[in-house]
Amino acid sequence: MDDGTESNTEIFVMAADGADPRPLAPKVGIDQDPAWSPDGSMIAYKSDRADGNGVRADRLWIMNADGSNSRLLRPGAVADGYAPAWANR
């Protein structure tokens, strides 16, 4: 049920033993389905965070693996029902 309350689900990176967890995409939004690039340098993910016009919808985002340079992969394209992948499934 949508009661209008914003939620936040984040993607974290941490040591193998779970130490030092750090959010990679800390803006308000439901970030989900992270997929690391084959070389480990980038992460694609789905999020309902607001785009540049303030509109929230499931879209595909991409960022560097350290959490920097987060940006829409295809501005305007909605990804309902899709999760990112770096290769054909």
Protein backbone atom coordinates (compact mmCIF):
# COMPACT_ATOMS: atom_id res chain seq x y z
CA MET A 1 0.00 0.00 0.00
CA ASP A 2 1.31 3.44 -0.91
CA ASP A 3 0.63 5.88 1.91
CA GLY A 4 2.87 8.59 0.42
CA THR A 5 5.73 7.95 2.86
CA GLU A 6 9.12 8.02 1.15
CA SER A 7 11.26 4.97 1.75
CA ASN A 8 14.92 4.29 1.25
CA THR A 9 16.50 0.96 0.33
CA GLU A 10 20.21 1.23 -0.33
CA ILE A 11 23.05 -0.67 -1.95
CA PHE A 12 26.00 -1.18 0.39
CA VAL A 13 29.59 -2.28 -0.12
CA MET A 14 31.47 -3.89 2.76
CA ALA A 15 34.35 -6.18 3.63
CA ALA A 16 33.88 -9.94 3.19
CA ASP A 17 33.32 -10.28 6.95
CA GLY A 18 30.60 -7.58 6.88
CA ALA A 19 32.81 -4.92 8.46
CA ASP A 20 32.75 -1.27 7.41
CA PRO A 21 29.42 -1.16 5.53
CA ARG A 22 29.08 1.93 3.32
CA PRO A 23 26.05 2.98 1.27
CA LEU A 24 26.86 3.51 -2.40
CA ALA A 25 23.70 5.31 -3.48
CA PRO A 26 22.42 7.15 -0.39
CA LYS A 27 19.66 9.27 -1.99
CA VAL A 28 16.02 8.57 -1.14
CA GLY A 29 14.74 5.76 -3.31
CA ILE A 30 14.28 2.03 -3.48
CA ASP A 31 17.60 0.91 -4.98
CA GLN A 32 17.59 -2.73 -6.01
CA ASP A 33 18.99 -5.44 -8.28
CA PRO A 34 22.64 -4.28 -8.37
CA ALA A 35 24.69 -5.82 -11.18
CA TRP A 36 28.47 -5.36 -11.22
CA SER A 37 30.23 -4.91 -14.56
CA PRO A 38 32.46 -7.83 -15.61
CA ASP A 39 35.58 -5.86 -14.63
CA GLY A 40 34.04 -4.77 -11.30
CA SER A 41 34.44 -1.06 -12.04
CA MET A 42 30.74 -0.13 -12.38
CA ILE A 43 27.36 -1.07 -10.91
CA ALA A 44 24.03 -0.88 -12.71
CA TYR A 45 20.90 -0.89 -10.56
CA LYS A 46 17.19 -0.16 -10.64
CA SER A 47 15.80 2.65 -8.51
CA ASP A 48 12.61 4.65 -8.13
CA ARG A 49 14.54 7.74 -7.04
CA ALA A 50 13.49 11.03 -8.61
CA ASP A 51 14.94 11.98 -11.97
CA GLY A 52 16.09 15.52 -12.85
CA ASN A 53 12.45 16.62 -13.15
CA GLY A 54 11.48 15.24 -9.73
CA VAL A 55 9.51 12.30 -11.20
CA ARG A 56 9.85 8.96 -9.40
CA ALA A 57 9.61 5.76 -11.47
CA ASP A 58 11.64 2.55 -11.75
CA ARG A 59 14.56 3.43 -13.98
CA LEU A 60 18.01 1.98 -14.60
CA TRP A 61 20.93 3.85 -13.07
CA ILE A 62 24.69 3.30 -13.33
CA MET A 63 27.56 4.38 -11.06
CA ASN A 64 31.22 3.71 -10.45
CA ALA A 65 31.80 0.80 -8.05
CA ASP A 66 32.92 3.27 -5.35
CA GLY A 67 29.48 4.96 -5.49
CA SER A 68 30.63 8.03 -7.42
CA ASN A 69 29.12 9.38 -10.64
CA SER A 70 25.61 7.93 -10.20
CA ARG A 71 23.47 8.77 -13.23
CA LEU A 72 20.48 7.59 -15.22
CA LEU A 73 21.46 5.02 -17.81
CA ARG A 74 18.67 6.03 -20.21
CA PRO A 75 16.89 9.21 -19.09
CA GLY A 76 13.14 8.92 -19.59
CA ALA A 77 13.15 5.13 -20.03
CA VAL A 78 11.11 3.25 -17.41
CA ALA A 79 12.32 -0.18 -16.23
CA ASP A 80 9.17 -1.65 -14.67
CA GLY A 81 9.69 -5.38 -14.25
CA TYR A 82 13.31 -5.32 -15.39
CA ALA A 83 16.59 -5.78 -13.54
CA PRO A 84 19.89 -4.69 -15.08
CA ALA A 85 22.37 -7.19 -16.51
CA TRP A 86 25.72 -6.70 -18.24
CA ALA A 87 25.08 -9.53 -20.70
CA ASN A 88 22.16 -11.42 -22.21
CA ARG A 89 20.37 -13.68 -19.77
